[in-house]
Amino acid sequence: MDPNPRQRKWIVAAGAALAIVVAGSFSTLAGLLVGPLHEELGWSRADIGFGSLVNMVVYGATAPLAAALMDRIGMRWVASGALGLIATGTALATTMTAPWQFALYWGVLVGVGTGATATTFAATVTERWFVARRGLVAGILTAASVVGQFVFLPVLSWVIGEWGWRAAAYGLACAAGGALPLVYAAVRDPRAAPRSRNSPRLGLNFLRSGPFWLLAGTFAVCGASTNGVMWTHFAPAAHDHGMPPTVAASLLSLIGIFNVAGTVGSGWATDRYDPRRLLAAYYALRGASLLVLPLLLSASVNPPLVAFTVAFGLLDVATVPPTIALCRAHFGSGAPFVFGWVSAAHQVGAGSVAYVGGVVRDVFGAYDLVWVGAGVLCAVAALLALVIGRGGSVPVVGRPEVYAPNARDTV
């Protein structure tokens, strides 16, 4: 018996959350691979950073294409195919012997798969199945990505220490393959889901919009100051100060735990307050925390470093719900597709700093300049967020265009 619409929307959300959790676990693994690949295969950190750059750029480029493809063939097929690509790319990565293979297997295949099951997927599910409390649901699905990124980090670090990086990669490939049939069974589109008015078939007029470029610019800084610097370089930077990799991974996991609270809380706040002011506050506080990080790193965990992890965790993915809300405010039902392009900017920023960070470490022997540079970029993003207009397509807070049959939403 098919569930009623109220039950179905939560089944879809649960299936989407599973796909997002599994895909998210691949996002931070690259940071744990820097040391093993450097030591075992003799690759420079710049070589490894280039593979991460390819992964993040492909991830970002995939997001808008995946949103358009979901319009054409449905969310179920896109999410299932993405998990298949992730599993295949990760399995192939265990056989690599040259940096170009890392760029191909991890960079391209895993990048496409994770990009198709990222925040754009969460935005599409939220837009099509929910009306009330959209910010909260977007926060919950974003938090699912955080769970995947950080909860499993200590386990993956331990597996790498005990059995090597290939064992961790095989484990994640099996997780992606095992989740595929469950996601296929749970995820579907509403019976009447019209195409986004901003699909490629109707042009890219939003590219001439000032708010789009402001949102893309701020989200590029978001990627640079999270995926680009923290998830790629925090573990090796902590190791430079004598901290064991498992301890550094545990700190990242702690960031992930507080990410959940920060993201869900941000979704709740986005339903009630001006998202532009929320973004400005998030970026300003994140930048301040990154500026002091070089003073806190040491061989052991200390109270100030724990305070940093808590603060950074609360701020890390909190930018997603207000960014989605502003996309909806300016672009209406085309918000998921436009947000895909905004997410592409996020990954360009992330990949650029992932690569530059490796080069800085090779040249100067330390990461201090990377943390300071990321902090300055966050200050710029805070100022840009304040000049984004409120939007005219739909209200920033309210009931924008919806996908039938979900005219109401009971939580």
Protein backbone atom coordinates (compact mmCIF):
# COMPACT_ATOMS: atom_id res chain seq x y z
CA MET A 1 0.00 0.00 0.00
CA ASP A 2 1.44 3.36 -1.03
CA PRO A 3 1.93 5.76 1.90
CA ASN A 4 -0.21 8.89 2.06
CA PRO A 5 1.43 12.16 0.97
CA ARG A 6 2.37 13.15 4.52
CA GLN A 7 4.13 9.84 5.11
CA ARG A 8 5.67 9.76 1.65
CA LYS A 9 7.42 13.11 2.02
CA TRP A 10 9.26 11.86 5.12
CA ILE A 11 10.16 8.57 3.43
CA VAL A 12 11.64 10.58 0.57
CA ALA A 13 13.49 12.80 3.05
CA ALA A 14 14.86 9.73 4.85
CA GLY A 15 16.08 8.19 1.59
CA ALA A 16 17.65 11.47 0.57
CA ALA A 17 19.32 11.75 3.98
CA LEU A 18 20.82 8.26 3.57
CA ALA A 19 22.27 9.16 0.17
CA ILE A 20 23.61 12.44 1.53
CA VAL A 21 25.17 10.78 4.59
CA VAL A 22 26.97 8.18 2.47
CA ALA A 23 28.17 10.73 -0.10
CA GLY A 24 29.25 13.10 2.66
CA SER A 25 31.61 10.49 4.12
CA PHE A 26 33.75 10.85 0.99
CA SER A 27 34.14 14.62 1.33
CA THR A 28 36.60 14.58 4.21
CA LEU A 29 38.42 11.33 3.45
CA ALA A 30 40.82 13.17 1.12
CA GLY A 31 42.29 15.02 4.12
CA LEU A 32 43.17 11.67 5.73
CA LEU A 33 44.80 10.45 2.50
CA VAL A 34 47.35 13.27 2.21
CA GLY A 35 49.87 11.65 4.58
CA PRO A 36 49.49 8.02 3.39
CA LEU A 37 49.67 8.90 -0.30
CA HIS A 38 52.68 11.15 0.29
CA GLU A 39 54.52 8.48 2.28
CA GLU A 40 53.57 5.35 0.32
CA LEU A 41 53.52 6.63 -3.24
CA GLY A 42 55.94 9.55 -2.90
CA TRP A 43 53.53 12.12 -4.31
CA SER A 44 53.98 15.76 -3.37
CA ARG A 45 51.26 17.55 -1.43
CA ALA A 46 50.68 19.71 -4.50
CA ASP A 47 50.02 16.55 -6.58
CA ILE A 48 47.52 15.33 -4.00
CA GLY A 49 46.04 18.80 -3.71
CA PHE A 50 45.49 18.88 -7.47
CA GLY A 51 43.44 15.68 -7.25
CA SER A 52 41.36 17.31 -4.52
CA LEU A 53 41.00 20.41 -6.70
CA VAL A 54 39.64 18.29 -9.57
CA ASN A 55 37.25 16.53 -7.18
CA MET A 56 35.87 19.78 -5.80
CA VAL A 57 35.57 21.55 -9.15
CA VAL A 58 33.84 18.54 -10.73
CA TYR A 59 31.64 18.30 -7.65
CA GLY A 60 30.64 21.92 -8.11
CA ALA A 61 30.13 21.67 -11.88
CA THR A 62 27.93 18.61 -11.39
CA ALA A 63 25.52 20.33 -8.99
CA PRO A 64 23.59 22.50 -11.53
CA LEU A 65 23.66 19.73 -14.12
CA ALA A 66 22.28 17.28 -11.57
CA ALA A 67 19.49 19.71 -10.68
CA ALA A 68 18.53 19.97 -14.35
CA LEU A 69 18.77 16.19 -14.77
CA MET A 70 16.45 15.70 -11.80
CA ASP A 71 13.90 17.78 -13.71
CA ARG A 72 14.26 15.49 -16.71
CA ILE A 73 14.54 11.94 -15.32
CA GLY A 74 13.71 12.36 -11.63
CA MET A 75 15.54 12.46 -8.32
CA ARG A 76 15.47 8.66 -7.87
CA TRP A 77 17.60 7.89 -10.93
CA VAL A 78 20.06 10.71 -10.35
CA ALA A 79 20.67 9.79 -6.69
CA SER A 80 20.99 6.07 -7.44
CA GLY A 81 23.34 6.64 -10.37
CA ALA A 82 25.45 8.97 -8.26
CA LEU A 83 25.96 6.31 -5.59
CA GLY A 84 26.99 3.86 -8.28
CA LEU A 85 29.62 6.27 -9.59
CA ILE A 86 30.94 6.90 -6.09
CA ALA A 87 31.35 3.19 -5.42
CA THR A 88 33.06 2.60 -8.77
CA GLY A 89 35.45 5.54 -8.49
CA THR A 90 36.49 4.67 -4.95
CA ALA A 91 37.11 1.01 -5.81
CA LEU A 92 39.25 2.03 -8.79
CA ALA A 93 41.21 4.46 -6.60
CA THR A 94 42.59 1.54 -4.59
CA THR A 95 44.53 0.46 -7.70
CA MET A 96 46.14 3.81 -8.55
CA THR A 97 49.89 4.24 -8.87
CA ALA A 98 50.15 7.74 -10.44
CA PRO A 99 48.71 11.18 -9.55
CA TRP A 100 46.69 11.38 -12.79
CA GLN A 101 44.74 8.32 -11.67
CA PHE A 102 43.88 10.02 -8.40
CA ALA A 103 42.60 13.00 -10.39
CA LEU A 104 40.53 10.70 -12.62
CA TYR A 105 39.12 8.18 -10.14
CA TRP A 106 38.74 10.36 -7.10
CA GLY A 107 38.57 13.70 -8.83
CA VAL A 108 36.15 12.94 -11.67
CA LEU A 109 34.13 9.83 -10.79
CA VAL A 110 33.74 10.45 -7.07
CA GLY A 111 33.40 14.18 -7.76
CA VAL A 112 30.44 13.62 -10.08
CA GLY A 113 28.76 11.24 -7.64
CA THR A 114 29.14 13.41 -4.57
CA GLY A 115 28.20 16.55 -6.49
CA ALA A 116 24.91 14.99 -7.57
CA THR A 117 23.99 14.07 -3.97
CA ALA A 118 25.03 17.27 -2.25
CA THR A 119 23.24 20.41 -1.09
CA THR A 120 21.53 20.87 -4.46
CA PHE A 121 19.86 17.48 -3.97
CA ALA A 122 18.77 18.59 -0.49
CA ALA A 123 17.39 21.84 -1.93
CA THR A 124 15.45 19.96 -4.61
CA VAL A 125 13.89 17.53 -2.12
CA THR A 126 12.95 20.44 0.16
CA GLU A 127 11.49 22.51 -2.67
CA ARG A 128 9.41 19.69 -4.15
CA TRP A 129 8.08 17.98 -1.04
CA PHE A 130 7.81 20.63 1.68
CA VAL A 131 6.12 23.99 2.13
CA ALA A 132 6.14 25.00 5.80
CA ARG A 133 9.44 24.93 7.68
CA ARG A 134 11.46 24.61 4.50
CA GLY A 135 14.43 26.19 6.22
CA LEU A 136 14.29 23.57 8.98
CA VAL A 137 14.08 20.66 6.53
CA ALA A 138 16.94 22.10 4.47
CA GLY A 139 18.94 22.34 7.70
CA ILE A 140 18.20 18.71 8.59
CA LEU A 141 19.23 17.40 5.17
CA THR A 142 22.36 19.54 5.23
CA ALA A 143 23.11 18.15 8.67
CA ALA A 144 22.91 14.67 7.11
CA SER A 145 25.89 15.60 4.96
CA VAL A 146 27.70 16.75 8.07
CA VAL A 147 27.04 13.41 9.75
CA GLY A 148 28.61 11.64 6.79
CA GLN A 149 31.56 13.98 6.68
CA PHE A 150 32.57 13.86 10.31
CA VAL A 151 30.98 11.11 12.39
CA PHE A 152 32.93 8.42 10.58
CA LEU A 153 36.24 10.30 10.52
CA PRO A 154 37.75 8.73 13.68
CA VAL A 155 36.76 5.28 12.43
CA LEU A 156 38.27 5.93 9.00
CA SER A 157 41.43 7.30 10.59
CA TRP A 158 41.70 4.21 12.80
CA VAL A 159 41.14 1.89 9.82
CA ILE A 160 43.85 3.70 7.86
CA GLY A 161 46.24 3.40 10.81
CA GLU A 162 45.55 -0.32 11.29
CA TRP A 163 45.01 -1.64 7.76
CA GLY A 164 45.96 1.18 5.41
CA TRP A 165 44.10 3.69 3.28
CA ARG A 166 42.89 1.08 0.78
CA ALA A 167 40.86 -0.70 3.47
CA ALA A 168 39.07 2.57 4.30
CA ALA A 169 38.37 3.17 0.61
CA TYR A 170 36.97 -0.34 0.15
CA GLY A 171 34.73 0.14 3.18
CA LEU A 172 33.25 3.35 1.80
CA ALA A 173 32.77 1.81 -1.65
CA CYS A 174 30.76 -1.01 -0.05
CA ALA A 175 28.69 1.54 1.91
CA ALA A 176 27.79 3.38 -1.30
CA GLY A 177 26.88 0.17 -3.06
CA GLY A 178 24.78 -1.02 -0.13
CA ALA A 179 22.86 2.25 0.13
CA LEU A 180 21.99 2.31 -3.57
CA PRO A 181 18.94 -0.04 -3.53
CA LEU A 182 17.55 1.59 -0.38
CA VAL A 183 17.78 5.06 -1.91
CA TYR A 184 16.20 3.83 -5.13
CA ALA A 185 13.25 2.42 -3.16
CA ALA A 186 12.68 5.53 -1.02
CA VAL A 187 13.33 8.56 -3.24
CA ARG A 188 10.77 9.71 -5.80
CA ASP A 189 9.27 12.91 -7.18
CA PRO A 190 5.79 14.28 -6.44
CA ARG A 191 3.22 13.22 -9.01
CA ALA A 192 2.92 16.79 -10.32
CA ALA A 193 6.35 18.41 -10.26
CA PRO A 194 6.74 21.02 -13.02
CA ARG A 195 10.07 21.77 -14.53
CA SER A 196 12.09 24.56 -13.02
CA ARG A 197 11.55 27.76 -14.92
CA ASN A 198 15.30 28.32 -14.81
CA SER A 199 16.22 25.01 -16.46
CA PRO A 200 18.84 25.13 -19.23
CA ARG A 201 16.00 24.71 -21.75
CA LEU A 202 14.79 28.21 -20.76
CA GLY A 203 18.17 29.87 -20.71
CA LEU A 204 20.56 31.20 -18.10
CA ASN A 205 19.11 34.66 -17.53
CA PHE A 206 19.91 34.51 -13.83
CA LEU A 207 23.60 34.88 -14.73
CA ARG A 208 22.84 38.54 -15.41
CA SER A 209 21.51 38.97 -11.88
CA GLY A 210 23.60 40.87 -9.33
CA PRO A 211 22.22 38.87 -6.37
CA PHE A 212 23.31 35.63 -8.08
CA TRP A 213 26.93 36.78 -8.28
CA LEU A 214 26.87 38.02 -4.70
CA LEU A 215 25.51 34.68 -3.54
CA ALA A 216 28.05 32.82 -5.67
CA GLY A 217 30.89 34.96 -4.32
CA THR A 218 29.96 34.45 -0.69
CA PHE A 219 29.46 30.73 -1.21
CA ALA A 220 32.85 30.46 -2.94
CA VAL A 221 34.37 31.84 0.26
CA CYS A 222 32.29 29.34 2.21
CA GLY A 223 33.89 26.50 0.24
CA ALA A 224 37.37 27.99 0.53
CA SER A 225 37.11 28.28 4.32
CA THR A 226 35.61 24.81 4.92
CA ASN A 227 36.22 22.05 2.35
CA GLY A 228 39.20 23.86 0.87
CA VAL A 229 41.20 24.58 3.99
CA MET A 230 39.73 22.74 6.98
CA TRP A 231 38.76 19.37 5.55
CA THR A 232 41.79 19.11 3.30
CA HIS A 233 44.55 20.65 5.41
CA PHE A 234 43.56 20.62 9.10
CA ALA A 235 44.69 17.03 9.74
CA PRO A 236 48.12 17.42 8.03
CA ALA A 237 48.60 20.85 9.65
CA ALA A 238 47.87 19.39 13.09
CA HIS A 239 50.28 16.55 12.33
CA ASP A 240 52.94 19.15 11.51
CA HIS A 241 52.58 20.31 15.12
CA GLY A 242 53.03 16.76 16.42
CA MET A 243 49.37 15.80 16.83
CA PRO A 244 48.56 12.15 15.95
CA PRO A 245 46.28 11.79 12.90
CA THR A 246 43.63 9.95 14.92
CA VAL A 247 43.42 12.86 17.38
CA ALA A 248 43.14 15.40 14.55
CA ALA A 249 40.39 13.28 12.98
CA SER A 250 38.57 13.21 16.33
CA LEU A 251 38.65 17.01 16.45
CA LEU A 252 37.16 17.16 12.96
CA SER A 253 34.52 14.71 14.10
CA LEU A 254 33.73 17.00 17.04
CA ILE A 255 33.29 19.85 14.55
CA GLY A 256 30.84 17.61 12.72
CA ILE A 257 28.80 16.94 15.84
CA PHE A 258 28.33 20.66 16.44
CA ASN A 259 27.71 21.13 12.71
CA VAL A 260 24.44 19.27 13.14
CA ALA A 261 23.25 21.60 15.89
CA GLY A 262 24.48 24.68 14.02
CA THR A 263 22.86 23.71 10.72
CA VAL A 264 19.48 22.73 12.17
CA GLY A 265 19.51 25.88 14.33
CA SER A 266 20.37 27.97 11.28
CA GLY A 267 17.45 26.43 9.40
CA TRP A 268 15.13 27.34 12.27
CA ALA A 269 16.52 30.90 12.34
CA THR A 270 16.23 31.25 8.55
CA ASP A 271 12.48 30.68 8.78
CA ARG A 272 12.26 33.63 11.19
CA TYR A 273 15.01 36.20 10.52
CA ASP A 274 16.64 38.06 7.63
CA PRO A 275 18.98 35.50 5.99
CA ARG A 276 21.35 38.26 4.82
CA ARG A 277 22.13 39.27 8.38
CA LEU A 278 22.52 35.64 9.38
CA LEU A 279 25.06 35.08 6.59
CA ALA A 280 27.04 38.18 7.52
CA ALA A 281 27.24 37.07 11.14
CA TYR A 282 28.26 33.51 10.22
CA TYR A 283 31.07 34.61 7.89
CA ALA A 284 32.41 37.24 10.29
CA LEU A 285 32.59 34.81 13.19
CA ARG A 286 34.07 32.04 11.04
CA GLY A 287 36.78 34.38 9.78
CA ALA A 288 37.69 35.42 13.31
CA SER A 289 38.02 31.79 14.38
CA LEU A 290 40.33 30.95 11.44
CA LEU A 291 42.59 33.91 12.19
CA VAL A 292 43.34 32.59 15.69
CA LEU A 293 43.71 28.92 14.70
CA PRO A 294 47.51 29.08 14.01
CA LEU A 295 47.98 30.15 17.64
CA LEU A 296 46.02 27.16 18.94
CA LEU A 297 47.54 24.20 17.09
CA SER A 298 49.84 22.03 19.19
CA ALA A 299 50.85 18.42 19.75
CA SER A 300 48.01 17.88 22.21
CA VAL A 301 44.40 18.93 22.60
CA ASN A 302 43.96 22.03 24.77
CA PRO A 303 40.83 23.89 25.95
CA PRO A 304 41.20 26.80 23.46
CA LEU A 305 41.47 24.31 20.58
CA VAL A 306 38.34 22.52 21.80
CA ALA A 307 36.56 25.89 21.97
CA PHE A 308 37.62 26.54 18.36
CA THR A 309 36.19 23.21 17.20
CA VAL A 310 32.87 23.91 18.91
CA ALA A 311 32.60 27.43 17.47
CA PHE A 312 33.68 26.39 13.99
CA GLY A 313 31.27 23.47 14.06
CA LEU A 314 28.32 25.71 14.88
CA LEU A 315 29.24 28.07 12.03
CA ASP A 316 30.49 25.67 9.37
CA VAL A 317 27.44 24.56 7.36
CA ALA A 318 25.11 27.12 8.94
CA THR A 319 25.47 29.19 5.75
CA VAL A 320 23.48 26.71 3.65
CA PRO A 321 19.85 27.34 4.81
CA PRO A 322 20.02 31.16 4.45
CA THR A 323 21.75 30.83 1.07
CA ILE A 324 19.00 28.52 -0.17
CA ALA A 325 16.38 30.94 1.22
CA LEU A 326 17.93 33.85 -0.68
CA CYS A 327 18.01 31.80 -3.88
CA ARG A 328 14.32 31.09 -3.39
CA ALA A 329 13.63 34.76 -2.69
CA HIS A 330 15.20 35.87 -5.95
CA PHE A 331 14.51 32.93 -8.27
CA GLY A 332 11.32 31.28 -7.01
CA SER A 333 10.73 27.69 -8.08
CA GLY A 334 14.01 27.78 -10.05
CA ALA A 335 15.91 28.05 -6.75
CA PRO A 336 17.28 24.47 -6.74
CA PHE A 337 18.77 24.88 -10.21
CA VAL A 338 20.24 28.31 -9.43
CA PHE A 339 21.53 27.03 -6.10
CA GLY A 340 23.33 24.34 -8.07
CA TRP A 341 25.31 27.07 -9.81
CA VAL A 342 25.93 28.80 -6.51
CA SER A 343 27.20 25.46 -5.18
CA ALA A 344 29.53 25.23 -8.18
CA ALA A 345 31.14 28.47 -7.01
CA HIS A 346 31.44 26.91 -3.53
CA GLN A 347 33.46 24.04 -4.95
CA VAL A 348 35.63 26.26 -7.15
CA GLY A 349 36.57 28.19 -4.03
CA ALA A 350 37.14 24.96 -2.13
CA GLY A 351 39.25 23.36 -4.82
CA SER A 352 41.36 26.47 -5.36
CA VAL A 353 42.30 26.73 -1.69
CA ALA A 354 42.84 22.95 -1.43
CA TYR A 355 45.44 23.25 -4.18
CA VAL A 356 46.95 26.56 -3.04
CA GLY A 357 47.18 25.24 0.52
CA GLY A 358 49.30 22.31 -0.65
CA VAL A 359 51.56 24.64 -2.63
CA VAL A 360 51.96 26.99 0.36
CA ARG A 361 52.89 24.05 2.60
CA ASP A 362 55.47 22.78 0.05
CA VAL A 363 57.02 26.25 -0.35
CA PHE A 364 56.93 27.65 3.20
CA GLY A 365 56.82 24.47 5.25
CA ALA A 366 53.74 25.62 7.21
CA TYR A 367 50.05 26.39 6.79
CA ASP A 368 49.86 29.67 8.74
CA LEU A 369 49.38 31.86 5.66
CA VAL A 370 46.51 29.64 4.52
CA TRP A 371 44.53 30.12 7.75
CA VAL A 372 45.06 33.89 7.69
CA GLY A 373 44.08 34.17 4.04
CA ALA A 374 40.89 32.18 4.62
CA GLY A 375 40.00 34.42 7.56
CA VAL A 376 40.38 37.56 5.43
CA LEU A 377 38.18 36.06 2.70
CA CYS A 378 35.46 35.41 5.29
CA ALA A 379 35.53 39.08 6.31
CA VAL A 380 34.95 40.06 2.67
CA ALA A 381 32.06 37.57 2.41
CA ALA A 382 30.42 39.06 5.50
CA LEU A 383 30.35 42.47 3.83
CA LEU A 384 29.04 41.07 0.55
CA ALA A 385 26.20 39.27 2.34
CA LEU A 386 24.86 42.55 3.68
CA VAL A 387 24.38 44.05 0.21
CA ILE A 388 22.37 41.14 -1.26
CA GLY A 389 18.85 42.37 -1.98
CA ARG A 390 15.83 40.86 -0.28
CA GLY A 391 14.48 39.53 -3.56
CA GLY A 392 11.34 40.14 -5.54
CA SER A 393 10.14 36.78 -6.88
CA VAL A 394 8.78 35.58 -3.56
CA PRO A 395 9.05 36.74 0.06
CA VAL A 396 12.24 35.91 1.93
CA VAL A 397 10.12 34.46 4.72
CA GLY A 398 6.77 33.05 3.74
CA ARG A 399 5.14 30.60 1.39
CA PRO A 400 6.73 30.76 -2.07
CA GLU A 401 5.75 28.77 -5.15
CA VAL A 402 5.21 25.11 -4.35
CA TYR A 403 5.05 21.79 -6.09
CA ALA A 404 1.63 20.14 -6.09
CA PRO A 405 0.20 18.14 -4.38
CA ASN A 406 1.84 19.50 -1.23
CA ALA A 407 -0.23 22.63 -0.71
CA ARG A 408 0.17 22.18 3.03
CA ASP A 409 2.88 20.76 5.17
CA THR A 410 2.28 19.28 8.62
CA VAL A 411 5.32 18.54 10.75
